[in-house]
Amino acid sequence: MLCGGEKIRACEIAPGDRLDMPGSEFAKIISVETIEYNDAVYNFTFEGEDSGVYLIANGFYSGDLRMQDEQEEAPERTFTQNEKQIIAETVLYNEELKAKKCL
């Protein structure tokens, strides 16, 4: 994914991150959820692939396997106190929703 103009793996996205969208727009992440998925995942090869390795998927830039293979080891992420509070509040909110069977 493109996050602030930089490549980031989807599993590294956290609340507070801003994902790049076409037209110089962005979307702020408010929560992250992992969903078990037991189906096929597709990778596309395009004509003229040297021109780029991104697709626009649901309005977001998403990289292909070539881009993932080129991804350097990401530095360990540190969170500000505000980000930690937002994450904690999001976790509590998701737990409340699960308890109410809303998720």
PDB file of N, CA and C in Angstrom:
ATOM      1  N   MET A   1       0.854  -1.170   0.000  1.00  0.00           N
ATOM      2  CA  MET A   1       0.000   0.000   0.000  1.00  0.00           C
ATOM      3  C   MET A   1       0.901   1.234   0.000  1.00  0.00           C
ATOM      4  N   LEU A   2       0.364   2.350  -0.469  1.00  0.00           N
ATOM      5  CA  LEU A   2       1.085   3.614  -0.376  1.00  0.00           C
ATOM      6  C   LEU A   2       0.531   4.389   0.813  1.00  0.00           C
ATOM      7  N   CYS A   3       1.413   4.715   1.715  1.00  0.00           N
ATOM      8  CA  CYS A   3       1.035   5.401   2.944  1.00  0.00           C
ATOM      9  C   CYS A   3       1.962   6.602   3.090  1.00  0.00           C
ATOM     10  N   GLY A   4       1.433   7.792   2.872  1.00  0.00           N
ATOM     11  CA  GLY A   4       2.264   8.982   2.931  1.00  0.00           C
ATOM     12  C   GLY A   4       3.339   8.996   1.859  1.00  0.00           C
ATOM     13  N   GLY A   5       3.043   8.391   0.716  1.00  0.00           N
ATOM     14  CA  GLY A   5       3.990   8.349  -0.395  1.00  0.00           C
ATOM     15  C   GLY A   5       5.043   7.265  -0.275  1.00  0.00           C
ATOM     16  N   GLU A   6       4.968   6.450   0.777  1.00  0.00           N
ATOM     17  CA  GLU A   6       5.946   5.390   0.974  1.00  0.00           C
ATOM     18  C   GLU A   6       5.261   4.031   0.940  1.00  0.00           C
ATOM     19  N   LYS A   7       6.008   3.015   0.491  1.00  0.00           N
ATOM     20  CA  LYS A   7       5.491   1.647   0.464  1.00  0.00           C
ATOM     21  C   LYS A   7       5.387   1.110   1.883  1.00  0.00           C
ATOM     22  N   ILE A   8       4.261   0.477   2.194  1.00  0.00           N
ATOM     23  CA  ILE A   8       4.069  -0.146   3.497  1.00  0.00           C
ATOM     24  C   ILE A   8       3.227  -1.395   3.282  1.00  0.00           C
ATOM     25  N   ARG A   9       3.567  -2.468   3.970  1.00  0.00           N
ATOM     26  CA  ARG A   9       2.783  -3.701   3.855  1.00  0.00           C
ATOM     27  C   ARG A   9       1.443  -3.500   4.560  1.00  0.00           C
ATOM     28  N   ALA A  10       0.418  -4.121   4.029  1.00  0.00           N
ATOM     29  CA  ALA A  10      -0.920  -3.972   4.612  1.00  0.00           C
ATOM     30  C   ALA A  10      -0.925  -4.380   6.082  1.00  0.00           C
ATOM     31  N   CYS A  11      -0.139  -5.401   6.436  1.00  0.00           N
ATOM     32  CA  CYS A  11      -0.120  -5.861   7.828  1.00  0.00           C
ATOM     33  C   CYS A  11       0.540  -4.856   8.764  1.00  0.00           C
ATOM     34  N   GLU A  12       1.204  -3.821   8.212  1.00  0.00           N
ATOM     35  CA  GLU A  12       1.867  -2.813   9.031  1.00  0.00           C
ATOM     36  C   GLU A  12       1.028  -1.544   9.200  1.00  0.00           C
ATOM     37  N   ILE A  13      -0.110  -1.492   8.544  1.00  0.00           N
ATOM     38  CA  ILE A  13      -0.969  -0.315   8.632  1.00  0.00           C
ATOM     39  C   ILE A  13      -1.592  -0.263  10.025  1.00  0.00           C
ATOM     40  N   ALA A  14      -1.639   0.935  10.579  1.00  0.00           N
ATOM     41  CA  ALA A  14      -2.150   1.111  11.943  1.00  0.00           C
ATOM     42  C   ALA A  14      -3.122   2.291  11.985  1.00  0.00           C
ATOM     43  N   PRO A  15      -4.012   2.318  12.988  1.00  0.00           N
ATOM     44  CA  PRO A  15      -4.893   3.472  13.141  1.00  0.00           C
ATOM     45  C   PRO A  15      -4.076   4.762  13.184  1.00  0.00           C
ATOM     46  N   GLY A  16      -4.573   5.755  12.470  1.00  0.00           N
ATOM     47  CA  GLY A  16      -3.886   7.034  12.383  1.00  0.00           C
ATOM     48  C   GLY A  16      -3.099   7.191  11.093  1.00  0.00           C
ATOM     49  N   ASP A  17      -2.750   6.057  10.441  1.00  0.00           N
ATOM     50  CA  ASP A  17      -2.054   6.141   9.155  1.00  0.00           C
ATOM     51  C   ASP A  17      -2.979   6.746   8.115  1.00  0.00           C
ATOM     52  N   ARG A  18      -2.381   7.332   7.080  1.00  0.00           N
ATOM     53  CA  ARG A  18      -3.145   7.930   5.986  1.00  0.00           C
ATOM     54  C   ARG A  18      -2.723   7.252   4.688  1.00  0.00           C
ATOM     55  N   LEU A  19      -3.668   6.549   4.051  1.00  0.00           N
ATOM     56  CA  LEU A  19      -3.380   5.863   2.794  1.00  0.00           C
ATOM     57  C   LEU A  19      -3.610   6.800   1.618  1.00  0.00           C
ATOM     58  N   ASP A  20      -2.660   6.770   0.677  1.00  0.00           N
ATOM     59  CA  ASP A  20      -2.746   7.605  -0.521  1.00  0.00           C
ATOM     60  C   ASP A  20      -3.848   7.096  -1.442  1.00  0.00           C
ATOM     61  N   MET A  21      -4.525   8.040  -2.070  1.00  0.00           N
ATOM     62  CA  MET A  21      -5.561   7.748  -3.056  1.00  0.00           C
ATOM     63  C   MET A  21      -5.271   8.595  -4.287  1.00  0.00           C
ATOM     64  N   PRO A  22      -5.813   8.210  -5.438  1.00  0.00           N
ATOM     65  CA  PRO A  22      -5.619   9.028  -6.641  1.00  0.00           C
ATOM     66  C   PRO A  22      -6.123  10.456  -6.418  1.00  0.00           C
ATOM     67  N   GLY A  23      -5.539  11.402  -7.149  1.00  0.00           N
ATOM     68  CA  GLY A  23      -5.976  12.789  -7.049  1.00  0.00           C
ATOM     69  C   GLY A  23      -5.434  13.500  -5.828  1.00  0.00           C
ATOM     70  N   SER A  24      -4.331  13.047  -5.293  1.00  0.00           N
ATOM     71  CA  SER A  24      -3.702  13.656  -4.113  1.00  0.00           C
ATOM     72  C   SER A  24      -4.598  13.627  -2.887  1.00  0.00           C
ATOM     73  N   GLU A  25      -5.524  12.698  -2.853  1.00  0.00           N
ATOM     74  CA  GLU A  25      -6.384  12.539  -1.681  1.00  0.00           C
ATOM     75  C   GLU A  25      -5.807  11.449  -0.787  1.00  0.00           C
ATOM     76  N   PHE A  26      -6.316  11.354   0.433  1.00  0.00           N
ATOM     77  CA  PHE A  26      -5.896  10.302   1.345  1.00  0.00           C
ATOM     78  C   PHE A  26      -7.079   9.895   2.203  1.00  0.00           C
ATOM     79  N   ALA A  27      -6.950   8.746   2.837  1.00  0.00           N
ATOM     80  CA  ALA A  27      -7.964   8.268   3.776  1.00  0.00           C
ATOM     81  C   ALA A  27      -7.260   7.917   5.078  1.00  0.00           C
ATOM     82  N   LYS A  28      -7.761   8.439   6.184  1.00  0.00           N
ATOM     83  CA  LYS A  28      -7.175   8.167   7.495  1.00  0.00           C
ATOM     84  C   LYS A  28      -7.744   6.857   8.041  1.00  0.00           C
ATOM     85  N   ILE A  29      -6.861   5.986   8.477  1.00  0.00           N
ATOM     86  CA  ILE A  29      -7.261   4.698   9.040  1.00  0.00           C
ATOM     87  C   ILE A  29      -7.735   4.920  10.476  1.00  0.00           C
ATOM     88  N   ILE A  30      -8.938   4.436  10.784  1.00  0.00           N
ATOM     89  CA  ILE A  30      -9.449   4.581  12.151  1.00  0.00           C
ATOM     90  C   ILE A  30      -9.383   3.275  12.925  1.00  0.00           C
ATOM     91  N   SER A  31      -9.369   2.134  12.216  1.00  0.00           N
ATOM     92  CA  SER A  31      -9.202   0.847  12.903  1.00  0.00           C
ATOM     93  C   SER A  31      -8.672  -0.175  11.904  1.00  0.00           C
ATOM     94  N   VAL A  32      -8.081  -1.224  12.417  1.00  0.00           N
ATOM     95  CA  VAL A  32      -7.529  -2.308  11.611  1.00  0.00           C
ATOM     96  C   VAL A  32      -8.046  -3.616  12.168  1.00  0.00           C
ATOM     97  N   GLU A  33      -8.473  -4.493  11.283  1.00  0.00           N
ATOM     98  CA  GLU A  33      -8.996  -5.790  11.699  1.00  0.00           C
ATOM     99  C   GLU A  33      -8.409  -6.863  10.791  1.00  0.00           C
ATOM    100  N   THR A  34      -7.974  -7.964  11.371  1.00  0.00           N
ATOM    101  CA  THR A  34      -7.485  -9.093  10.602  1.00  0.00           C
ATOM    102  C   THR A  34      -8.632 -10.080  10.438  1.00  0.00           C
ATOM    103  N   ILE A  35      -8.872 -10.486   9.203  1.00  0.00           N
ATOM    104  CA  ILE A  35      -9.957 -11.421   8.907  1.00  0.00           C
ATOM    105  C   ILE A  35      -9.356 -12.662   8.273  1.00  0.00           C
ATOM    106  N   GLU A  36      -9.688 -13.826   8.806  1.00  0.00           N
ATOM    107  CA  GLU A  36      -9.201 -15.074   8.219  1.00  0.00           C
ATOM    108  C   GLU A  36      -9.808 -15.221   6.831  1.00  0.00           C
ATOM    109  N   TYR A  37      -8.973 -15.584   5.868  1.00  0.00           N
ATOM    110  CA  TYR A  37      -9.419 -15.667   4.483  1.00  0.00           C
ATOM    111  C   TYR A  37      -8.905 -16.958   3.884  1.00  0.00           C
ATOM    112  N   ASN A  38      -9.798 -17.836   3.490  1.00  0.00           N
ATOM    113  CA  ASN A  38      -9.415 -19.146   2.968  1.00  0.00           C
ATOM    114  C   ASN A  38      -9.843 -19.306   1.518  1.00  0.00           C
ATOM    115  N   ASP A  39      -9.469 -18.375   0.691  1.00  0.00           N
ATOM    116  CA  ASP A  39      -9.829 -18.431  -0.718  1.00  0.00           C
ATOM    117  C   ASP A  39      -8.618 -18.023  -1.543  1.00  0.00           C
ATOM    118  N   ALA A  40      -8.795 -17.892  -2.822  1.00  0.00           N
ATOM    119  CA  ALA A  40      -7.694 -17.543  -3.719  1.00  0.00           C
ATOM    120  C   ALA A  40      -7.345 -16.068  -3.620  1.00  0.00           C
ATOM    121  N   VAL A  41      -6.069 -15.759  -3.818  1.00  0.00           N
ATOM    122  CA  VAL A  41      -5.568 -14.397  -3.919  1.00  0.00           C
ATOM    123  C   VAL A  41      -4.908 -14.309  -5.285  1.00  0.00           C
ATOM    124  N   TYR A  42      -5.151 -13.234  -6.005  1.00  0.00           N
ATOM    125  CA  TYR A  42      -4.661 -13.112  -7.369  1.00  0.00           C
ATOM    126  C   TYR A  42      -3.572 -12.070  -7.490  1.00  0.00           C
ATOM    127  N   ASN A  43      -2.605 -12.347  -8.343  1.00  0.00           N
ATOM    128  CA  ASN A  43      -1.562 -11.396  -8.689  1.00  0.00           C
ATOM    129  C   ASN A  43      -1.638 -11.209 -10.201  1.00  0.00           C
ATOM    130  N   PHE A  44      -1.577  -9.978 -10.660  1.00  0.00           N
ATOM    131  CA  PHE A  44      -1.701  -9.678 -12.078  1.00  0.00           C
ATOM    132  C   PHE A  44      -0.356  -9.278 -12.659  1.00  0.00           C
ATOM    133  N   THR A  45      -0.136  -9.650 -13.915  1.00  0.00           N
ATOM    134  CA  THR A  45       1.013  -9.176 -14.669  1.00  0.00           C
ATOM    135  C   THR A  45       0.459  -8.367 -15.825  1.00  0.00           C
ATOM    136  N   PHE A  46       0.942  -7.130 -15.967  1.00  0.00           N
ATOM    137  CA  PHE A  46       0.422  -6.230 -16.980  1.00  0.00           C
ATOM    138  C   PHE A  46       1.410  -5.996 -18.093  1.00  0.00           C
ATOM    139  N   GLU A  47       0.876  -5.735 -19.243  1.00  0.00           N
ATOM    140  CA  GLU A  47       1.696  -5.307 -20.361  1.00  0.00           C
ATOM    141  C   GLU A  47       2.332  -3.972 -19.974  1.00  0.00           C
ATOM    142  N   GLY A  48       3.622  -3.807 -20.250  1.00  0.00           N
ATOM    143  CA  GLY A  48       4.295  -2.570 -19.874  1.00  0.00           C
ATOM    144  C   GLY A  48       4.501  -2.468 -18.381  1.00  0.00           C
ATOM    145  N   GLU A  49       4.718  -3.586 -17.724  1.00  0.00           N
ATOM    146  CA  GLU A  49       4.816  -3.625 -16.264  1.00  0.00           C
ATOM    147  C   GLU A  49       5.919  -2.729 -15.710  1.00  0.00           C
ATOM    148  N   ASP A  50       6.931  -2.423 -16.532  1.00  0.00           N
ATOM    149  CA  ASP A  50       8.015  -1.568 -16.040  1.00  0.00           C
ATOM    150  C   ASP A  50       7.530  -0.169 -15.683  1.00  0.00           C
ATOM    151  N   SER A  51       6.336   0.192 -16.138  1.00  0.00           N
ATOM    152  CA  SER A  51       5.828   1.528 -15.862  1.00  0.00           C
ATOM    153  C   SER A  51       5.336   1.681 -14.424  1.00  0.00           C
ATOM    154  N   GLY A  52       5.151   0.598 -13.719  1.00  0.00           N
ATOM    155  CA  GLY A  52       4.692   0.693 -12.340  1.00  0.00           C
ATOM    156  C   GLY A  52       4.231  -0.640 -11.822  1.00  0.00           C
ATOM    157  N   VAL A  53       4.102  -0.737 -10.531  1.00  0.00           N
ATOM    158  CA  VAL A  53       3.718  -2.004  -9.921  1.00  0.00           C
ATOM    159  C   VAL A  53       2.535  -1.834  -8.966  1.00  0.00           C
ATOM    160  N   TYR A  54       1.709  -0.851  -9.247  1.00  0.00           N
ATOM    161  CA  TYR A  54       0.548  -0.604  -8.395  1.00  0.00           C
ATOM    162  C   TYR A  54      -0.746  -0.741  -9.171  1.00  0.00           C
ATOM    163  N   LEU A  55      -1.764  -1.195  -8.485  1.00  0.00           N
ATOM    164  CA  LEU A  55      -3.139  -1.191  -8.956  1.00  0.00           C
ATOM    165  C   LEU A  55      -3.898  -0.208  -8.087  1.00  0.00           C
ATOM    166  N   ILE A  56      -5.001   0.268  -8.569  1.00  0.00           N
ATOM    167  CA  ILE A  56      -5.908   1.019  -7.707  1.00  0.00           C
ATOM    168  C   ILE A  56      -7.013   0.035  -7.348  1.00  0.00           C
ATOM    169  N   ALA A  57      -7.043  -0.376  -6.095  1.00  0.00           N
ATOM    170  CA  ALA A  57      -8.005  -1.363  -5.612  1.00  0.00           C
ATOM    171  C   ALA A  57      -8.923  -0.689  -4.596  1.00  0.00           C
ATOM    172  N   ASN A  58     -10.205  -0.638  -4.906  1.00  0.00           N
ATOM    173  CA  ASN A  58     -11.180   0.030  -4.034  1.00  0.00           C
ATOM    174  C   ASN A  58     -10.757   1.453  -3.702  1.00  0.00           C
ATOM    175  N   GLY A  59     -10.105   2.113  -4.673  1.00  0.00           N
ATOM    176  CA  GLY A  59      -9.728   3.509  -4.490  1.00  0.00           C
ATOM    177  C   GLY A  59      -8.375   3.732  -3.839  1.00  0.00           C
ATOM    178  N   PHE A  60      -7.634   2.665  -3.557  1.00  0.00           N
ATOM    179  CA  PHE A  60      -6.330   2.782  -2.912  1.00  0.00           C
ATOM    180  C   PHE A  60      -5.253   2.154  -3.786  1.00  0.00           C
ATOM    181  N   TYR A  61      -4.034   2.696  -3.684  1.00  0.00           N
ATOM    182  CA  TYR A  61      -2.905   2.108  -4.398  1.00  0.00           C
ATOM    183  C   TYR A  61      -2.483   0.837  -3.672  1.00  0.00           C
ATOM    184  N   SER A  62      -2.445  -0.262  -4.409  1.00  0.00           N
ATOM    185  CA  SER A  62      -2.055  -1.543  -3.839  1.00  0.00           C
ATOM    186  C   SER A  62      -0.966  -2.143  -4.712  1.00  0.00           C
ATOM    187  N   GLY A  63       0.131  -2.582  -4.114  1.00  0.00           N
ATOM    188  CA  GLY A  63       1.258  -3.116  -4.869  1.00  0.00           C
ATOM    189  C   GLY A  63       1.095  -4.582  -5.193  1.00  0.00           C
ATOM    190  N   ASP A  64       1.877  -5.032  -6.179  1.00  0.00           N
ATOM    191  CA  ASP A  64       1.858  -6.435  -6.559  1.00  0.00           C
ATOM    192  C   ASP A  64       3.017  -7.181  -5.890  1.00  0.00           C
ATOM    193  N   LEU A  65       3.183  -8.454  -6.229  1.00  0.00           N
ATOM    194  CA  LEU A  65       4.229  -9.248  -5.603  1.00  0.00           C
ATOM    195  C   LEU A  65       5.620  -8.692  -5.881  1.00  0.00           C
ATOM    196  N   ARG A  66       5.832  -8.144  -7.089  1.00  0.00           N
ATOM    197  CA  ARG A  66       7.136  -7.573  -7.404  1.00  0.00           C
ATOM    198  C   ARG A  66       7.470  -6.433  -6.439  1.00  0.00           C
ATOM    199  N   MET A  67       6.484  -5.579  -6.182  1.00  0.00           N
ATOM    200  CA  MET A  67       6.685  -4.474  -5.252  1.00  0.00           C
ATOM    201  C   MET A  67       6.960  -5.020  -3.851  1.00  0.00           C
ATOM    202  N   GLN A  68       6.241  -6.058  -3.456  1.00  0.00           N
ATOM    203  CA  GLN A  68       6.444  -6.639  -2.136  1.00  0.00           C
ATOM    204  C   GLN A  68       7.839  -7.233  -2.009  1.00  0.00           C
ATOM    205  N   ASP A  69       8.314  -7.872  -3.073  1.00  0.00           N
ATOM    206  CA  ASP A  69       9.653  -8.454  -3.049  1.00  0.00           C
ATOM    207  C   ASP A  69      10.725  -7.382  -2.939  1.00  0.00           C
ATOM    208  N   GLU A  70      10.451  -6.185  -3.454  1.00  0.00           N
ATOM    209  CA  GLU A  70      11.411  -5.081  -3.404  1.00  0.00           C
ATOM    210  C   GLU A  70      11.353  -4.338  -2.078  1.00  0.00           C
ATOM    211  N   GLN A  71      10.334  -4.605  -1.281  1.00  0.00           N
ATOM    212  CA  GLN A  71      10.148  -3.906  -0.009  1.00  0.00           C
ATOM    213  C   GLN A  71      11.332  -4.157   0.914  1.00  0.00           C
ATOM    214  N   GLU A  72      11.914  -3.096   1.387  1.00  0.00           N
ATOM    215  CA  GLU A  72      13.006  -3.221   2.346  1.00  0.00           C
ATOM    216  C   GLU A  72      12.427  -3.532   3.713  1.00  0.00           C
ATOM    217  N   GLU A  73      13.269  -4.053   4.577  1.00  0.00           N
ATOM    218  CA  GLU A  73      12.844  -4.325   5.943  1.00  0.00           C
ATOM    219  C   GLU A  73      12.412  -3.010   6.579  1.00  0.00           C
ATOM    220  N   ALA A  74      11.189  -2.974   7.035  1.00  0.00           N
ATOM    221  CA  ALA A  74      10.661  -1.741   7.625  1.00  0.00           C
ATOM    222  C   ALA A  74      11.264  -1.526   9.008  1.00  0.00           C
ATOM    223  N   PRO A  75      11.591  -0.275   9.334  1.00  0.00           N
ATOM    224  CA  PRO A  75      12.098  -0.014  10.682  1.00  0.00           C
ATOM    225  C   PRO A  75      10.983  -0.224  11.699  1.00  0.00           C
ATOM    226  N   GLU A  76      11.364  -0.567  12.910  1.00  0.00           N
ATOM    227  CA  GLU A  76      10.364  -0.775  13.947  1.00  0.00           C
ATOM    228  C   GLU A  76       9.597   0.520  14.159  1.00  0.00           C
ATOM    229  N   ARG A  77       8.299   0.393  14.242  1.00  0.00           N
ATOM    230  CA  ARG A  77       7.452   1.574  14.353  1.00  0.00           C
ATOM    231  C   ARG A  77       7.298   1.986  15.809  1.00  0.00           C
ATOM    232  N   THR A  78       7.413   3.274  16.059  1.00  0.00           N
ATOM    233  CA  THR A  78       7.148   3.812  17.389  1.00  0.00           C
ATOM    234  C   THR A  78       5.916   4.701  17.296  1.00  0.00           C
ATOM    235  N   PHE A  79       5.099   4.654  18.324  1.00  0.00           N
ATOM    236  CA  PHE A  79       3.858   5.403  18.341  1.00  0.00           C
ATOM    237  C   PHE A  79       3.945   6.553  19.327  1.00  0.00           C
ATOM    238  N   THR A  80       3.292   7.657  18.967  1.00  0.00           N
ATOM    239  CA  THR A  80       3.191   8.778  19.901  1.00  0.00           C
ATOM    240  C   THR A  80       2.185   8.400  20.985  1.00  0.00           C
ATOM    241  N   GLN A  81       2.164   9.153  22.062  1.00  0.00           N
ATOM    242  CA  GLN A  81       1.211   8.890  23.138  1.00  0.00           C
ATOM    243  C   GLN A  81      -0.218   9.013  22.620  1.00  0.00           C
ATOM    244  N   ASN A  82      -0.461   9.982  21.750  1.00  0.00           N
ATOM    245  CA  ASN A  82      -1.793  10.165  21.176  1.00  0.00           C
ATOM    246  C   ASN A  82      -2.188   8.951  20.335  1.00  0.00           C
ATOM    247  N   GLU A  83      -1.259   8.436  19.518  1.00  0.00           N
ATOM    248  CA  GLU A  83      -1.547   7.253  18.707  1.00  0.00           C
ATOM    249  C   GLU A  83      -1.830   6.045  19.591  1.00  0.00           C
ATOM    250  N   LYS A  84      -1.067   5.892  20.670  1.00  0.00           N
ATOM    251  CA  LYS A  84      -1.294   4.777  21.591  1.00  0.00           C
ATOM    252  C   LYS A  84      -2.679   4.860  22.209  1.00  0.00           C
ATOM    253  N   GLN A  85      -3.113   6.073  22.549  1.00  0.00           N
ATOM    254  CA  GLN A  85      -4.439   6.256  23.139  1.00  0.00           C
ATOM    255  C   GLN A  85      -5.529   5.916  22.120  1.00  0.00           C
ATOM    256  N   ILE A  86      -5.347   6.350  20.876  1.00  0.00           N
ATOM    257  CA  ILE A  86      -6.327   6.052  19.829  1.00  0.00           C
ATOM    258  C   ILE A  86      -6.417   4.544  19.609  1.00  0.00           C
ATOM    259  N   ILE A  87      -5.282   3.874  19.588  1.00  0.00           N
ATOM    260  CA  ILE A  87      -5.270   2.415  19.393  1.00  0.00           C
ATOM    261  C   ILE A  87      -5.986   1.734  20.547  1.00  0.00           C
ATOM    262  N   ALA A  88      -5.689   2.146  21.777  1.00  0.00           N
ATOM    263  CA  ALA A  88      -6.336   1.541  22.947  1.00  0.00           C
ATOM    264  C   ALA A  88      -7.852   1.755  22.905  1.00  0.00           C
ATOM    265  N   GLU A  89      -8.284   2.962  22.555  1.00  0.00           N
ATOM    266  CA  GLU A  89      -9.714   3.253  22.464  1.00  0.00           C
ATOM    267  C   GLU A  89     -10.370   2.424  21.362  1.00  0.00           C
ATOM    268  N   THR A  90      -9.675   2.243  20.250  1.00  0.00           N
ATOM    269  CA  THR A  90     -10.208   1.452  19.139  1.00  0.00           C
ATOM    270  C   THR A  90     -10.349  -0.010  19.542  1.00  0.00           C
ATOM    271  N   VAL A  91      -9.358  -0.541  20.247  1.00  0.00           N
ATOM    272  CA  VAL A  91      -9.418  -1.931  20.714  1.00  0.00           C
ATOM    273  C   VAL A  91     -10.599  -2.111  21.663  1.00  0.00           C
ATOM    274  N   LEU A  92     -10.774  -1.195  22.610  1.00  0.00           N
ATOM    275  CA  LEU A  92     -11.898  -1.282  23.543  1.00  0.00           C
ATOM    276  C   LEU A  92     -13.237  -1.203  22.820  1.00  0.00           C
ATOM    277  N   TYR A  93     -13.328  -0.296  21.849  1.00  0.00           N
ATOM    278  CA  TYR A  93     -14.563  -0.139  21.087  1.00  0.00           C
ATOM    279  C   TYR A  93     -14.880  -1.424  20.326  1.00  0.00           C
ATOM    280  N   ASN A  94     -13.865  -2.026  19.679  1.00  0.00           N
ATOM    281  CA  ASN A  94     -14.088  -3.270  18.942  1.00  0.00           C
ATOM    282  C   ASN A  94     -14.506  -4.398  19.875  1.00  0.00           C
ATOM    283  N   GLU A  95     -13.930  -4.450  21.080  1.00  0.00           N
ATOM    284  CA  GLU A  95     -14.318  -5.466  22.057  1.00  0.00           C
ATOM    285  C   GLU A  95     -15.774  -5.283  22.481  1.00  0.00           C
ATOM    286  N   GLU A  96     -16.180  -4.028  22.661  1.00  0.00           N
ATOM    287  CA  GLU A  96     -17.579  -3.745  23.015  1.00  0.00           C
ATOM    288  C   GLU A  96     -18.518  -4.190  21.905  1.00  0.00           C
ATOM    289  N   LEU A  97     -18.143  -3.909  20.658  1.00  0.00           N
ATOM    290  CA  LEU A  97     -18.978  -4.308  19.527  1.00  0.00           C
ATOM    291  C   LEU A  97     -19.074  -5.825  19.429  1.00  0.00           C
ATOM    292  N   LYS A  98     -17.955  -6.514  19.647  1.00  0.00           N
ATOM    293  CA  LYS A  98     -17.964  -7.988  19.615  1.00  0.00           C
ATOM    294  C   LYS A  98     -18.855  -8.533  20.720  1.00  0.00           C
ATOM    295  N   ALA A  99     -18.782  -7.937  21.922  1.00  0.00           N
ATOM    296  CA  ALA A  99     -19.607  -8.380  23.036  1.00  0.00           C
ATOM    297  C   ALA A  99     -21.095  -8.199  22.736  1.00  0.00           C
ATOM    298  N   LYS A 100     -21.414  -7.166  21.975  1.00  0.00           N
ATOM    299  CA  LYS A 100     -22.811  -6.891  21.601  1.00  0.00           C
ATOM    300  C   LYS A 100     -23.197  -7.648  20.329  1.00  0.00           C
ATOM    301  N   LYS A 101     -22.245  -8.432  19.808  1.00  0.00           N
ATOM    302  CA  LYS A 101     -22.428  -9.215  18.581  1.00  0.00           C
ATOM    303  C   LYS A 101     -22.695  -8.341  17.376  1.00  0.00           C
ATOM    304  N   CYS A 102     -22.073  -7.143  17.367  1.00  0.00           N
ATOM    305  CA  CYS A 102     -22.177  -6.235  16.219  1.00  0.00           C
ATOM    306  C   CYS A 102     -21.084  -6.514  15.195  1.00  0.00           C
ATOM    307  N   LEU A 103     -20.033  -7.205  15.594  1.00  0.00           N
ATOM    308  CA  LEU A 103     -18.938  -7.544  14.675  1.00  0.00           C
ATOM    309  C   LEU A 103     -18.913  -9.020  14.428  1.00  0.00           C
TER     310      LEU A 103
END
